[in-house]
Amino acid sequence: MAKKEDKPNFFMRIGLFIKQVIDEIRKVVAPTGKELLGWSVAVFIFVLLLMLFVTALDFGLGKLVFLIFG
């Protein structure tokens, strides 16, 4: 009969988890100020375009419903 593999105790697993989290955090690269500004402008423009699209859709469908149902 095969012996069941023992896993580390609770505290060792927590320690391993924290070590892995710290290792991953060290890999993170923060954007430069120029990159951050560029992405912020891109998001702002995208949100404006999406607002315009939804507004036009709302206005157009409102007019269509008014024409159909008077």
C-alpha atoms as a PDB file:
ATOM      1  CA  MET A   1       0.000   0.000   0.000  1.00  0.00           C
ATOM      2  CA  ALA A   2       1.429   3.400  -1.010  1.00  0.00           C
ATOM      3  CA  LYS A   3       2.202   5.770   1.834  1.00  0.00           C
ATOM      4  CA  LYS A   4       0.254   9.029   1.717  1.00  0.00           C
ATOM      5  CA  GLU A   5       2.652  11.935   1.161  1.00  0.00           C
ATOM      6  CA  ASP A   6       2.742  14.200   4.209  1.00  0.00           C
ATOM      7  CA  LYS A   7       2.243  17.885   3.523  1.00  0.00           C
ATOM      8  CA  PRO A   8       3.976  20.582   5.570  1.00  0.00           C
ATOM      9  CA  ASN A   9       2.228  21.779   8.690  1.00  0.00           C
ATOM     10  CA  PHE A  10      -0.045  24.816   8.747  1.00  0.00           C
ATOM     11  CA  PHE A  11       2.620  27.327   9.809  1.00  0.00           C
ATOM     12  CA  MET A  12       5.140  26.114   7.226  1.00  0.00           C
ATOM     13  CA  ARG A  13       2.507  26.549   4.491  1.00  0.00           C
ATOM     14  CA  ILE A  14       1.796  30.107   5.675  1.00  0.00           C
ATOM     15  CA  GLY A  15       5.535  30.862   5.660  1.00  0.00           C
ATOM     16  CA  LEU A  16       5.898  29.446   2.153  1.00  0.00           C
ATOM     17  CA  PHE A  17       2.928  31.509   0.969  1.00  0.00           C
ATOM     18  CA  ILE A  18       4.401  34.732   2.394  1.00  0.00           C
ATOM     19  CA  LYS A  19       7.799  33.959   0.825  1.00  0.00           C
ATOM     20  CA  GLN A  20       6.154  33.403  -2.572  1.00  0.00           C
ATOM     21  CA  VAL A  21       4.153  36.636  -2.244  1.00  0.00           C
ATOM     22  CA  ILE A  22       7.319  38.608  -1.484  1.00  0.00           C
ATOM     23  CA  ASP A  23       9.112  36.982  -4.444  1.00  0.00           C
ATOM     24  CA  GLU A  24       6.267  38.005  -6.769  1.00  0.00           C
ATOM     25  CA  ILE A  25       6.128  41.566  -5.403  1.00  0.00           C
ATOM     26  CA  ARG A  26       9.848  41.958  -6.192  1.00  0.00           C
ATOM     27  CA  LYS A  27       9.062  41.223  -9.871  1.00  0.00           C
ATOM     28  CA  VAL A  28       6.589  44.131 -10.135  1.00  0.00           C
ATOM     29  CA  VAL A  29       7.844  47.112 -12.140  1.00  0.00           C
ATOM     30  CA  ALA A  30       6.200  50.474 -11.479  1.00  0.00           C
ATOM     31  CA  PRO A  31       5.448  52.599 -14.558  1.00  0.00           C
ATOM     32  CA  THR A  32       7.420  55.760 -15.183  1.00  0.00           C
ATOM     33  CA  GLY A  33       5.685  59.112 -14.898  1.00  0.00           C
ATOM     34  CA  LYS A  34       5.497  59.405 -18.698  1.00  0.00           C
ATOM     35  CA  GLU A  35       3.942  55.938 -19.040  1.00  0.00           C
ATOM     36  CA  LEU A  36       1.470  56.665 -16.260  1.00  0.00           C
ATOM     37  CA  LEU A  37       0.419  59.925 -17.903  1.00  0.00           C
ATOM     38  CA  GLY A  38       0.055  58.218 -21.292  1.00  0.00           C
ATOM     39  CA  TRP A  39      -2.134  55.435 -19.926  1.00  0.00           C
ATOM     40  CA  SER A  40      -4.206  57.910 -17.915  1.00  0.00           C
ATOM     41  CA  VAL A  41      -4.887  60.000 -21.031  1.00  0.00           C
ATOM     42  CA  ALA A  42      -5.767  56.860 -23.003  1.00  0.00           C
ATOM     43  CA  VAL A  43      -8.266  55.754 -20.334  1.00  0.00           C
ATOM     44  CA  PHE A  44      -9.776  59.253 -20.156  1.00  0.00           C
ATOM     45  CA  ILE A  45     -10.264  59.364 -23.942  1.00  0.00           C
ATOM     46  CA  PHE A  46     -11.754  55.847 -23.970  1.00  0.00           C
ATOM     47  CA  VAL A  47     -14.228  56.768 -21.219  1.00  0.00           C
ATOM     48  CA  LEU A  48     -15.244  59.933 -23.108  1.00  0.00           C
ATOM     49  CA  LEU A  49     -15.819  57.960 -26.312  1.00  0.00           C
ATOM     50  CA  LEU A  50     -17.838  55.361 -24.436  1.00  0.00           C
ATOM     51  CA  MET A  51     -19.936  58.112 -22.833  1.00  0.00           C
ATOM     52  CA  LEU A  52     -20.602  59.646 -26.255  1.00  0.00           C
ATOM     53  CA  PHE A  53     -21.599  56.249 -27.654  1.00  0.00           C
ATOM     54  CA  VAL A  54     -23.997  55.470 -24.797  1.00  0.00           C
ATOM     55  CA  THR A  55     -25.481  58.983 -24.951  1.00  0.00           C
ATOM     56  CA  ALA A  56     -26.066  58.700 -28.708  1.00  0.00           C
ATOM     57  CA  LEU A  57     -27.579  55.243 -28.271  1.00  0.00           C
ATOM     58  CA  ASP A  58     -29.872  56.488 -25.497  1.00  0.00           C
ATOM     59  CA  PHE A  59     -30.949  59.527 -27.504  1.00  0.00           C
ATOM     60  CA  GLY A  60     -31.481  57.493 -30.696  1.00  0.00           C
ATOM     61  CA  LEU A  61     -33.463  54.724 -29.032  1.00  0.00           C
ATOM     62  CA  GLY A  62     -35.530  57.306 -27.141  1.00  0.00           C
ATOM     63  CA  LYS A  63     -36.456  59.010 -30.415  1.00  0.00           C
ATOM     64  CA  LEU A  64     -37.252  55.639 -32.016  1.00  0.00           C
ATOM     65  CA  VAL A  65     -39.554  54.644 -29.156  1.00  0.00           C
ATOM     66  CA  PHE A  66     -41.254  58.040 -29.318  1.00  0.00           C
ATOM     67  CA  LEU A  67     -41.825  57.618 -33.078  1.00  0.00           C
ATOM     68  CA  ILE A  68     -43.217  54.087 -32.658  1.00  0.00           C
ATOM     69  CA  PHE A  69     -45.445  54.677 -29.658  1.00  0.00           C
ATOM     70  CA  GLY A  70     -46.081  58.404 -30.080  1.00  0.00           C
END
